[in-house]
Amino acid sequence: MSRWVIHAQASFEARHALTSYRGTRESSHGHPWKVEVRVGAAELNAEGYALDFHQVQDLLAKAIAPLDRSDLNDHPKIGTPSPTAERVAEFLSEKLAPEYEEIGGELLVVSVWEGPDNRVDLILD
């Protein structure tokens, strides 16, 4: 099956401390975080595009806004059991999947960078 894939990225700053990293709690520290979503669409609309880039980007920006300048340990869904990049990806996928469906898309992948070099991809089936 062919599909169009729209990419959007956004960044935020946040603190976290893994609760049992190598057997001990980390010291709280901050990172720049980056999130990329890939949203699929099966068809082009009458205007000739799959999804509105601005809508895809705006939904992502709204989803990460509460995380900016926060302590992820305090987040009710990300902080337990430990505020990892994987937990951030999971939280965002649960929030964004239904919102992208409302505009005619399907959330395919959520990628989260913890700092500039470390990335995790959540691939949705």
N, C-alpha and C. Protein backbone atom coordinates (compact mmCIF):
# COMPACT_ATOMS: atom_id res chain seq x y z
N MET A 1 0.84 -1.18 0.00
CA MET A 1 0.00 0.00 0.00
C MET A 1 0.88 1.25 0.00
N SER A 2 0.63 2.14 -0.90
CA SER A 2 1.36 3.40 -0.94
C SER A 2 0.73 4.39 0.02
N ARG A 3 1.56 5.28 0.53
CA ARG A 3 1.05 6.36 1.37
C ARG A 3 2.04 7.52 1.34
N TRP A 4 1.51 8.67 1.61
CA TRP A 4 2.33 9.88 1.76
C TRP A 4 2.74 9.97 3.22
N VAL A 5 3.96 10.40 3.48
CA VAL A 5 4.43 10.53 4.87
C VAL A 5 4.89 11.96 5.09
N ILE A 6 4.25 12.61 6.04
CA ILE A 6 4.54 13.99 6.41
C ILE A 6 5.38 13.96 7.67
N HIS A 7 6.45 14.75 7.69
CA HIS A 7 7.36 14.83 8.84
C HIS A 7 7.20 16.20 9.49
N ALA A 8 7.24 16.22 10.81
CA ALA A 8 7.25 17.48 11.56
C ALA A 8 8.17 17.31 12.75
N GLN A 9 8.86 18.39 13.11
CA GLN A 9 9.78 18.37 14.25
C GLN A 9 9.50 19.54 15.16
N ALA A 10 9.83 19.34 16.44
CA ALA A 10 9.73 20.41 17.42
C ALA A 10 10.72 20.10 18.54
N SER A 11 11.09 21.12 19.30
CA SER A 11 12.07 20.96 20.37
C SER A 11 11.56 21.55 21.67
N PHE A 12 12.10 21.05 22.75
CA PHE A 12 11.82 21.61 24.07
C PHE A 12 13.00 21.35 24.98
N GLU A 13 13.04 22.04 26.09
CA GLU A 13 14.05 21.85 27.13
C GLU A 13 13.35 21.26 28.34
N ALA A 14 13.97 20.26 28.97
CA ALA A 14 13.38 19.69 30.17
C ALA A 14 14.45 19.01 31.01
N ARG A 15 14.14 18.88 32.28
CA ARG A 15 15.00 18.19 33.23
C ARG A 15 14.44 16.79 33.47
N HIS A 16 15.31 15.89 33.92
CA HIS A 16 14.85 14.58 34.37
C HIS A 16 15.97 13.91 35.15
N ALA A 17 15.62 12.87 35.86
CA ALA A 17 16.58 12.01 36.55
C ALA A 17 16.01 10.60 36.51
N LEU A 18 16.73 9.71 35.87
CA LEU A 18 16.27 8.32 35.86
C LEU A 18 16.27 7.80 37.29
N THR A 19 15.24 7.07 37.65
CA THR A 19 15.04 6.71 39.05
C THR A 19 15.90 5.53 39.51
N SER A 20 16.39 4.73 38.57
CA SER A 20 17.22 3.59 38.97
C SER A 20 18.22 3.26 37.87
N TYR A 21 18.97 4.26 37.45
CA TYR A 21 19.94 4.07 36.38
C TYR A 21 21.17 3.34 36.94
N ARG A 22 21.39 2.14 36.44
CA ARG A 22 22.50 1.30 36.91
C ARG A 22 22.47 1.12 38.43
N GLY A 23 21.24 1.00 38.95
CA GLY A 23 21.06 0.70 40.35
C GLY A 23 20.95 1.89 41.29
N THR A 24 21.05 3.10 40.76
CA THR A 24 20.95 4.27 41.62
C THR A 24 20.19 5.38 40.91
N ARG A 25 19.65 6.30 41.67
CA ARG A 25 18.94 7.44 41.09
C ARG A 25 19.97 8.45 40.56
N GLU A 26 19.72 8.92 39.36
CA GLU A 26 20.57 9.96 38.77
C GLU A 26 20.33 11.30 39.46
N SER A 27 21.27 12.19 39.32
CA SER A 27 21.05 13.58 39.69
C SER A 27 20.19 14.22 38.61
N SER A 28 19.31 15.12 39.01
CA SER A 28 18.47 15.81 38.03
C SER A 28 19.36 16.65 37.12
N HIS A 29 19.08 16.57 35.84
CA HIS A 29 19.86 17.31 34.85
C HIS A 29 18.97 17.65 33.66
N GLY A 30 19.36 18.67 32.93
CA GLY A 30 18.57 19.12 31.79
C GLY A 30 19.15 18.67 30.47
N HIS A 31 18.28 18.61 29.49
CA HIS A 31 18.65 18.28 28.11
C HIS A 31 17.84 19.14 27.15
N PRO A 32 18.40 19.37 25.97
CA PRO A 32 17.52 19.76 24.87
C PRO A 32 16.91 18.46 24.34
N TRP A 33 15.62 18.48 24.09
CA TRP A 33 14.90 17.33 23.55
C TRP A 33 14.35 17.73 22.18
N LYS A 34 14.33 16.80 21.26
CA LYS A 34 13.72 17.05 19.96
C LYS A 34 12.76 15.90 19.68
N VAL A 35 11.65 16.22 19.07
CA VAL A 35 10.64 15.22 18.71
C VAL A 35 10.36 15.36 17.22
N GLU A 36 10.30 14.22 16.55
CA GLU A 36 9.85 14.19 15.16
C GLU A 36 8.70 13.20 15.08
N VAL A 37 7.66 13.59 14.36
CA VAL A 37 6.57 12.67 14.07
C VAL A 37 6.53 12.45 12.57
N ARG A 38 6.11 11.25 12.20
CA ARG A 38 5.83 10.93 10.81
C ARG A 38 4.38 10.49 10.76
N VAL A 39 3.63 11.17 9.92
CA VAL A 39 2.19 10.96 9.83
C VAL A 39 1.86 10.57 8.39
N GLY A 40 1.15 9.46 8.24
CA GLY A 40 0.83 8.96 6.91
C GLY A 40 -0.57 9.36 6.46
N ALA A 41 -0.71 9.46 5.16
CA ALA A 41 -2.02 9.71 4.54
C ALA A 41 -2.06 8.91 3.24
N ALA A 42 -3.19 8.25 2.99
CA ALA A 42 -3.31 7.37 1.83
C ALA A 42 -3.56 8.12 0.53
N GLU A 43 -4.16 9.31 0.62
CA GLU A 43 -4.57 10.01 -0.60
C GLU A 43 -4.25 11.49 -0.50
N LEU A 44 -4.22 12.13 -1.64
CA LEU A 44 -4.10 13.58 -1.70
C LEU A 44 -5.50 14.17 -1.70
N ASN A 45 -5.63 15.35 -1.13
CA ASN A 45 -6.93 16.02 -1.14
C ASN A 45 -7.14 16.76 -2.45
N ALA A 46 -8.25 17.45 -2.57
CA ALA A 46 -8.60 18.15 -3.82
C ALA A 46 -7.58 19.23 -4.16
N GLU A 47 -6.89 19.75 -3.16
CA GLU A 47 -5.88 20.78 -3.37
C GLU A 47 -4.55 20.18 -3.82
N GLY A 48 -4.41 18.84 -3.68
CA GLY A 48 -3.21 18.17 -4.15
C GLY A 48 -2.17 17.91 -3.07
N TYR A 49 -2.55 18.01 -1.79
CA TYR A 49 -1.61 17.64 -0.73
C TYR A 49 -2.25 16.63 0.21
N ALA A 50 -1.39 15.90 0.92
CA ALA A 50 -1.86 14.82 1.78
C ALA A 50 -2.45 15.36 3.08
N LEU A 51 -1.67 16.13 3.82
CA LEU A 51 -2.10 16.76 5.06
C LEU A 51 -1.52 18.16 5.11
N ASP A 52 -2.17 19.03 5.80
CA ASP A 52 -1.69 20.39 5.96
C ASP A 52 -0.48 20.39 6.90
N PHE A 53 0.69 20.79 6.38
CA PHE A 53 1.91 20.84 7.19
C PHE A 53 1.67 21.64 8.48
N HIS A 54 0.97 22.75 8.36
CA HIS A 54 0.75 23.61 9.53
C HIS A 54 -0.08 22.91 10.60
N GLN A 55 -1.09 22.17 10.20
CA GLN A 55 -1.89 21.42 11.18
C GLN A 55 -1.06 20.36 11.88
N VAL A 56 -0.26 19.63 11.11
CA VAL A 56 0.58 18.58 11.69
C VAL A 56 1.56 19.20 12.68
N GLN A 57 2.19 20.30 12.29
CA GLN A 57 3.16 20.97 13.15
C GLN A 57 2.49 21.58 14.38
N ASP A 58 1.35 22.21 14.20
CA ASP A 58 0.65 22.85 15.33
C ASP A 58 0.23 21.83 16.38
N LEU A 59 -0.25 20.68 15.95
CA LEU A 59 -0.64 19.65 16.92
C LEU A 59 0.57 19.14 17.70
N LEU A 60 1.70 18.99 17.02
CA LEU A 60 2.92 18.57 17.70
C LEU A 60 3.37 19.64 18.69
N ALA A 61 3.37 20.90 18.27
CA ALA A 61 3.80 21.99 19.15
C ALA A 61 2.92 22.07 20.40
N LYS A 62 1.61 21.90 20.23
CA LYS A 62 0.71 21.93 21.39
C LYS A 62 0.96 20.76 22.33
N ALA A 63 1.30 19.61 21.77
CA ALA A 63 1.52 18.41 22.60
C ALA A 63 2.78 18.55 23.45
N ILE A 64 3.82 19.18 22.92
CA ILE A 64 5.06 19.28 23.70
C ILE A 64 5.13 20.54 24.56
N ALA A 65 4.26 21.52 24.32
CA ALA A 65 4.32 22.78 25.07
C ALA A 65 4.33 22.57 26.59
N PRO A 66 3.50 21.69 27.16
CA PRO A 66 3.53 21.52 28.61
C PRO A 66 4.84 20.89 29.12
N LEU A 67 5.61 20.26 28.24
CA LEU A 67 6.86 19.64 28.65
C LEU A 67 8.02 20.63 28.71
N ASP A 68 7.90 21.73 27.98
CA ASP A 68 8.99 22.70 27.90
C ASP A 68 9.25 23.32 29.26
N ARG A 69 10.53 23.33 29.65
CA ARG A 69 10.98 23.91 30.92
C ARG A 69 10.40 23.17 32.13
N SER A 70 10.06 21.90 31.95
CA SER A 70 9.48 21.12 33.04
C SER A 70 10.50 20.14 33.60
N ASP A 71 10.12 19.52 34.71
CA ASP A 71 10.85 18.38 35.25
C ASP A 71 10.02 17.15 34.90
N LEU A 72 10.53 16.32 34.02
CA LEU A 72 9.76 15.17 33.54
C LEU A 72 9.46 14.17 34.65
N ASN A 73 10.23 14.17 35.71
CA ASN A 73 9.93 13.29 36.85
C ASN A 73 8.57 13.62 37.46
N ASP A 74 8.15 14.87 37.36
CA ASP A 74 6.88 15.31 37.93
C ASP A 74 5.68 15.05 37.02
N HIS A 75 5.93 14.64 35.78
CA HIS A 75 4.84 14.42 34.83
C HIS A 75 4.10 13.13 35.19
N PRO A 76 2.76 13.18 35.31
CA PRO A 76 2.02 12.00 35.76
C PRO A 76 2.13 10.78 34.84
N LYS A 77 2.35 10.97 33.55
CA LYS A 77 2.42 9.82 32.65
C LYS A 77 3.85 9.49 32.23
N ILE A 78 4.74 10.46 32.25
CA ILE A 78 6.12 10.23 31.82
C ILE A 78 7.03 9.86 32.99
N GLY A 79 6.75 10.40 34.17
CA GLY A 79 7.66 10.27 35.31
C GLY A 79 7.74 8.90 35.94
N THR A 80 6.80 8.01 35.66
CA THR A 80 6.78 6.69 36.29
C THR A 80 6.82 5.60 35.24
N PRO A 81 7.63 4.58 35.35
CA PRO A 81 8.54 4.35 36.45
C PRO A 81 9.79 5.21 36.39
N SER A 82 10.17 5.70 35.22
CA SER A 82 11.34 6.55 35.08
C SER A 82 11.16 7.39 33.81
N PRO A 83 11.50 8.66 33.85
CA PRO A 83 11.24 9.56 32.73
C PRO A 83 12.27 9.43 31.60
N THR A 84 12.11 8.40 30.82
CA THR A 84 13.02 8.10 29.72
C THR A 84 12.51 8.70 28.41
N ALA A 85 13.37 8.71 27.42
CA ALA A 85 12.95 9.13 26.08
C ALA A 85 11.83 8.23 25.56
N GLU A 86 11.89 6.96 25.92
CA GLU A 86 10.84 6.03 25.51
C GLU A 86 9.49 6.42 26.10
N ARG A 87 9.49 6.84 27.37
CA ARG A 87 8.24 7.27 28.01
C ARG A 87 7.70 8.54 27.35
N VAL A 88 8.59 9.45 26.96
CA VAL A 88 8.16 10.66 26.26
C VAL A 88 7.51 10.28 24.93
N ALA A 89 8.14 9.37 24.19
CA ALA A 89 7.59 8.92 22.90
C ALA A 89 6.22 8.26 23.09
N GLU A 90 6.10 7.42 24.11
CA GLU A 90 4.84 6.75 24.38
C GLU A 90 3.73 7.75 24.71
N PHE A 91 4.03 8.69 25.59
CA PHE A 91 3.06 9.71 25.97
C PHE A 91 2.60 10.51 24.75
N LEU A 92 3.55 10.95 23.94
CA LEU A 92 3.19 11.75 22.77
C LEU A 92 2.40 10.95 21.75
N SER A 93 2.73 9.67 21.60
CA SER A 93 1.97 8.86 20.64
C SER A 93 0.53 8.70 21.08
N GLU A 94 0.31 8.50 22.38
CA GLU A 94 -1.06 8.35 22.89
C GLU A 94 -1.85 9.64 22.72
N LYS A 95 -1.19 10.76 22.88
CA LYS A 95 -1.86 12.05 22.75
C LYS A 95 -2.13 12.40 21.28
N LEU A 96 -1.13 12.19 20.44
CA LEU A 96 -1.21 12.67 19.06
C LEU A 96 -1.94 11.75 18.09
N ALA A 97 -1.91 10.44 18.30
CA ALA A 97 -2.54 9.52 17.34
C ALA A 97 -3.99 9.89 17.05
N PRO A 98 -4.83 10.10 18.08
CA PRO A 98 -6.23 10.45 17.76
C PRO A 98 -6.36 11.84 17.13
N GLU A 99 -5.48 12.75 17.47
CA GLU A 99 -5.56 14.10 16.89
C GLU A 99 -5.19 14.07 15.41
N TYR A 100 -4.19 13.28 15.04
CA TYR A 100 -3.84 13.18 13.62
C TYR A 100 -4.93 12.42 12.85
N GLU A 101 -5.58 11.46 13.49
CA GLU A 101 -6.69 10.77 12.83
C GLU A 101 -7.81 11.74 12.49
N GLU A 102 -8.07 12.69 13.40
CA GLU A 102 -9.13 13.68 13.16
C GLU A 102 -8.89 14.52 11.92
N ILE A 103 -7.61 14.72 11.54
CA ILE A 103 -7.33 15.52 10.34
C ILE A 103 -7.02 14.64 9.13
N GLY A 104 -7.29 13.32 9.25
CA GLY A 104 -7.14 12.42 8.12
C GLY A 104 -5.81 11.71 8.02
N GLY A 105 -5.01 11.74 9.08
CA GLY A 105 -3.70 11.10 9.04
C GLY A 105 -3.62 9.92 9.99
N GLU A 106 -2.52 9.20 9.88
CA GLU A 106 -2.23 8.08 10.77
C GLU A 106 -0.82 8.27 11.31
N LEU A 107 -0.70 8.37 12.63
CA LEU A 107 0.62 8.51 13.24
C LEU A 107 1.40 7.22 13.02
N LEU A 108 2.56 7.32 12.40
CA LEU A 108 3.37 6.15 12.07
C LEU A 108 4.56 5.98 12.99
N VAL A 109 5.25 7.09 13.29
CA VAL A 109 6.48 7.03 14.07
C VAL A 109 6.58 8.28 14.93
N VAL A 110 7.04 8.09 16.17
CA VAL A 110 7.43 9.19 17.04
C VAL A 110 8.89 8.96 17.39
N SER A 111 9.74 9.91 17.05
CA SER A 111 11.16 9.84 17.38
C SER A 111 11.46 10.91 18.43
N VAL A 112 12.22 10.53 19.46
CA VAL A 112 12.58 11.46 20.52
C VAL A 112 14.09 11.43 20.70
N TRP A 113 14.71 12.62 20.60
CA TRP A 113 16.12 12.78 20.87
C TRP A 113 16.28 13.31 22.29
N GLU A 114 17.10 12.64 23.08
CA GLU A 114 17.51 13.12 24.39
C GLU A 114 18.91 13.68 24.19
N GLY A 115 19.00 14.99 24.08
CA GLY A 115 20.27 15.60 23.69
C GLY A 115 20.44 15.45 22.19
N PRO A 116 21.59 15.86 21.68
CA PRO A 116 21.76 15.88 20.22
C PRO A 116 22.06 14.53 19.58
N ASP A 117 22.49 13.54 20.37
CA ASP A 117 22.98 12.31 19.76
C ASP A 117 22.18 11.06 20.03
N ASN A 118 21.32 11.07 21.03
CA ASN A 118 20.62 9.85 21.45
C ASN A 118 19.16 9.92 21.06
N ARG A 119 18.73 8.95 20.26
CA ARG A 119 17.36 8.97 19.74
C ARG A 119 16.71 7.60 19.92
N VAL A 120 15.41 7.64 20.19
CA VAL A 120 14.60 6.43 20.21
C VAL A 120 13.43 6.64 19.25
N ASP A 121 13.05 5.58 18.54
CA ASP A 121 11.92 5.62 17.62
C ASP A 121 10.85 4.68 18.13
N LEU A 122 9.63 5.18 18.23
CA LEU A 122 8.47 4.35 18.52
C LEU A 122 7.71 4.20 17.20
N ILE A 123 7.71 2.98 16.68
CA ILE A 123 7.05 2.70 15.41
C ILE A 123 5.71 2.07 15.73
N LEU A 124 4.65 2.74 15.31
CA LEU A 124 3.29 2.28 15.62
C LEU A 124 2.80 1.33 14.54
N ASP A 125 2.16 0.29 14.97
CA ASP A 125 1.61 -0.70 14.02
C ASP A 125 0.14 -0.47 13.80
